[in-house]
Amino acid sequence: MDELKAAALAVRENAHAPYSKFQVGAAIRTGSGAIYAGCNVENVAYPQGICAEAGAIAAMVAAGERDITAAYVVAGSPTPVPPCGGCRQKLAEFARGDVSITMATTGGVEQVMSMAQLLPGAFGPEHMDKKS
């Protein structure tokens, strides 16, 4: 977990957050052991921004990987900040329910939840069954 934490903290420093000043870093580990990181990238047209988790997932997919085995998300906040709803669904696309998602503050406070705890009742491929 130390490698994930270090990657998330390092990439957080590269966040483009001139409007909110709220920098977030995320790092994910895949089944191969590789680590991919992403930071939030704001845009003056707020809905056009990119979350840190989405950036890390995009880097993972661009590298040809599809299996998240752990994730670490860090922000400069008094309490650990969970991924937004959209990012929870993005994580669930590539992470099984038992995968640990660690949410942390830059001050070292951590909270760990499983993917299933973070997004109970997640929408998944099984909902796409077109037999009915």
Protein backbone atom coordinates (compact mmCIF):
# COMPACT_ATOMS: atom_id res chain seq x y z
CA MET A 1 0.00 0.00 0.00
CA ASP A 2 2.95 2.35 0.53
CA GLU A 3 3.58 2.49 -3.24
CA LEU A 4 -0.05 3.38 -3.93
CA LYS A 5 -0.01 6.05 -1.24
CA ALA A 6 3.24 7.55 -2.57
CA ALA A 7 1.93 7.59 -6.14
CA ALA A 8 -1.36 9.24 -5.12
CA LEU A 9 0.38 11.87 -3.01
CA ALA A 10 2.89 12.64 -5.77
CA VAL A 11 0.34 12.96 -8.58
CA ARG A 12 -1.91 15.11 -6.37
CA GLU A 13 0.74 17.82 -6.60
CA ASN A 14 0.12 17.97 -10.38
CA ALA A 15 -3.63 18.56 -10.06
CA HIS A 16 -5.04 21.45 -12.05
CA ALA A 17 -7.42 22.98 -9.51
CA PRO A 18 -7.24 26.77 -9.99
CA TYR A 19 -10.95 27.28 -9.18
CA SER A 20 -11.65 25.06 -6.18
CA LYS A 21 -8.03 24.81 -4.93
CA PHE A 22 -9.04 21.22 -3.98
CA GLN A 23 -6.30 18.91 -5.26
CA VAL A 24 -7.00 15.18 -5.42
CA GLY A 25 -4.68 12.32 -6.33
CA ALA A 26 -5.60 8.72 -7.06
CA ALA A 27 -3.54 5.60 -7.68
CA ILE A 28 -4.73 2.15 -8.64
CA ARG A 29 -2.93 -1.18 -8.66
CA THR A 30 -3.79 -3.80 -11.26
CA GLY A 31 -3.59 -7.57 -11.32
CA SER A 32 -0.16 -7.31 -12.98
CA GLY A 33 1.10 -5.22 -10.05
CA ALA A 34 1.39 -2.05 -12.15
CA ILE A 35 0.36 1.26 -10.62
CA TYR A 36 -1.47 3.98 -12.53
CA ALA A 37 -2.09 7.45 -11.14
CA GLY A 38 -4.34 10.38 -11.94
CA CYS A 39 -5.16 13.82 -10.57
CA ASN A 40 -8.17 16.06 -10.89
CA VAL A 41 -8.16 18.47 -13.82
CA GLU A 42 -10.62 21.32 -13.45
CA ASN A 43 -12.03 23.41 -16.25
CA VAL A 44 -13.59 26.84 -16.02
CA ALA A 45 -16.77 25.11 -17.30
CA TYR A 46 -17.03 22.97 -14.14
CA PRO A 47 -18.85 19.94 -15.57
CA GLN A 48 -16.00 19.47 -18.04
CA GLY A 49 -13.45 18.63 -15.34
CA ILE A 50 -11.93 15.20 -14.77
CA CYS A 51 -11.74 13.45 -11.42
CA ALA A 52 -8.48 11.90 -10.21
CA GLU A 53 -9.97 8.39 -10.18
CA ALA A 54 -11.13 8.74 -13.78
CA GLY A 55 -7.65 9.87 -14.83
CA ALA A 56 -6.02 6.86 -13.17
CA ILE A 57 -8.53 4.50 -14.77
CA ALA A 58 -7.96 6.07 -18.20
CA ALA A 59 -4.20 5.57 -17.83
CA MET A 60 -4.77 1.93 -16.84
CA VAL A 61 -7.05 1.24 -19.80
CA ALA A 62 -4.68 3.05 -22.19
CA ALA A 63 -1.94 0.67 -21.02
CA GLY A 64 -4.17 -2.31 -21.87
CA GLU A 65 -5.11 -3.33 -18.34
CA ARG A 66 -8.61 -3.90 -16.96
CA ASP A 67 -8.33 -5.32 -13.43
CA ILE A 68 -8.13 -3.03 -10.38
CA THR A 69 -6.92 -4.85 -7.25
CA ALA A 70 -6.55 -1.81 -4.95
CA ALA A 71 -7.10 1.95 -5.05
CA TYR A 72 -5.88 4.89 -2.97
CA VAL A 73 -7.48 8.37 -3.14
CA VAL A 74 -6.03 11.34 -1.25
CA ALA A 75 -7.14 14.95 -0.79
CA GLY A 76 -6.23 17.90 1.39
CA SER A 77 -9.28 17.61 3.59
CA PRO A 78 -9.88 17.23 7.34
CA THR A 79 -11.54 13.85 6.73
CA PRO A 80 -11.06 11.23 3.99
CA VAL A 81 -13.01 12.11 0.86
CA PRO A 82 -14.84 9.28 -0.92
CA PRO A 83 -14.97 9.13 -4.71
CA CYS A 84 -17.96 10.89 -6.27
CA GLY A 85 -20.87 8.77 -7.48
CA GLY A 86 -19.62 8.71 -11.08
CA CYS A 87 -16.17 7.59 -10.02
CA ARG A 88 -17.62 4.88 -7.79
CA GLN A 89 -19.33 3.47 -10.87
CA LYS A 90 -16.12 3.82 -12.91
CA LEU A 91 -14.16 1.95 -10.23
CA ALA A 92 -16.86 -0.74 -10.05
CA GLU A 93 -16.43 -1.37 -13.78
CA PHE A 94 -12.91 -2.71 -13.12
CA ALA A 95 -12.84 -3.68 -9.42
CA ARG A 96 -14.55 -6.68 -7.80
CA GLY A 97 -16.66 -6.08 -4.72
CA ASP A 98 -13.92 -7.20 -2.33
CA VAL A 99 -11.29 -4.76 -3.66
CA SER A 100 -10.05 -2.30 -1.01
CA ILE A 101 -10.50 1.39 -1.71
CA THR A 102 -8.48 3.57 0.66
CA MET A 103 -9.57 7.17 1.11
CA ALA A 104 -7.06 9.44 2.83
CA THR A 105 -6.14 12.95 3.85
CA THR A 106 -2.77 14.55 3.26
CA GLY A 107 -2.49 14.56 7.06
CA GLY A 108 -2.43 10.75 7.14
CA VAL A 109 -6.00 9.91 8.18
CA GLU A 110 -7.18 6.85 6.25
CA GLN A 111 -10.48 5.05 5.80
CA VAL A 112 -10.70 1.73 3.96
CA MET A 113 -13.87 0.37 2.38
CA SER A 114 -14.50 -2.47 -0.01
CA MET A 115 -15.82 -1.63 -3.45
CA ALA A 116 -19.12 -3.28 -2.48
CA GLN A 117 -19.37 -1.06 0.63
CA LEU A 118 -18.53 2.03 -1.40
CA LEU A 119 -21.16 1.28 -4.04
CA PRO A 120 -23.77 -1.19 -2.81
CA GLY A 121 -26.09 -2.46 -5.50
CA ALA A 122 -23.72 -1.34 -8.26
CA PHE A 123 -25.04 -1.39 -11.81
CA GLY A 124 -23.12 -4.10 -13.66
CA PRO A 125 -22.99 -6.22 -16.80
CA GLU A 126 -25.57 -8.62 -15.36
CA HIS A 127 -28.12 -5.80 -15.63
CA MET A 128 -27.58 -5.71 -19.38
CA ASP A 129 -29.14 -9.16 -19.91
CA LYS A 130 -31.53 -8.60 -22.79
CA LYS A 131 -33.56 -11.79 -22.33
CA SER A 132 -36.47 -10.03 -20.66
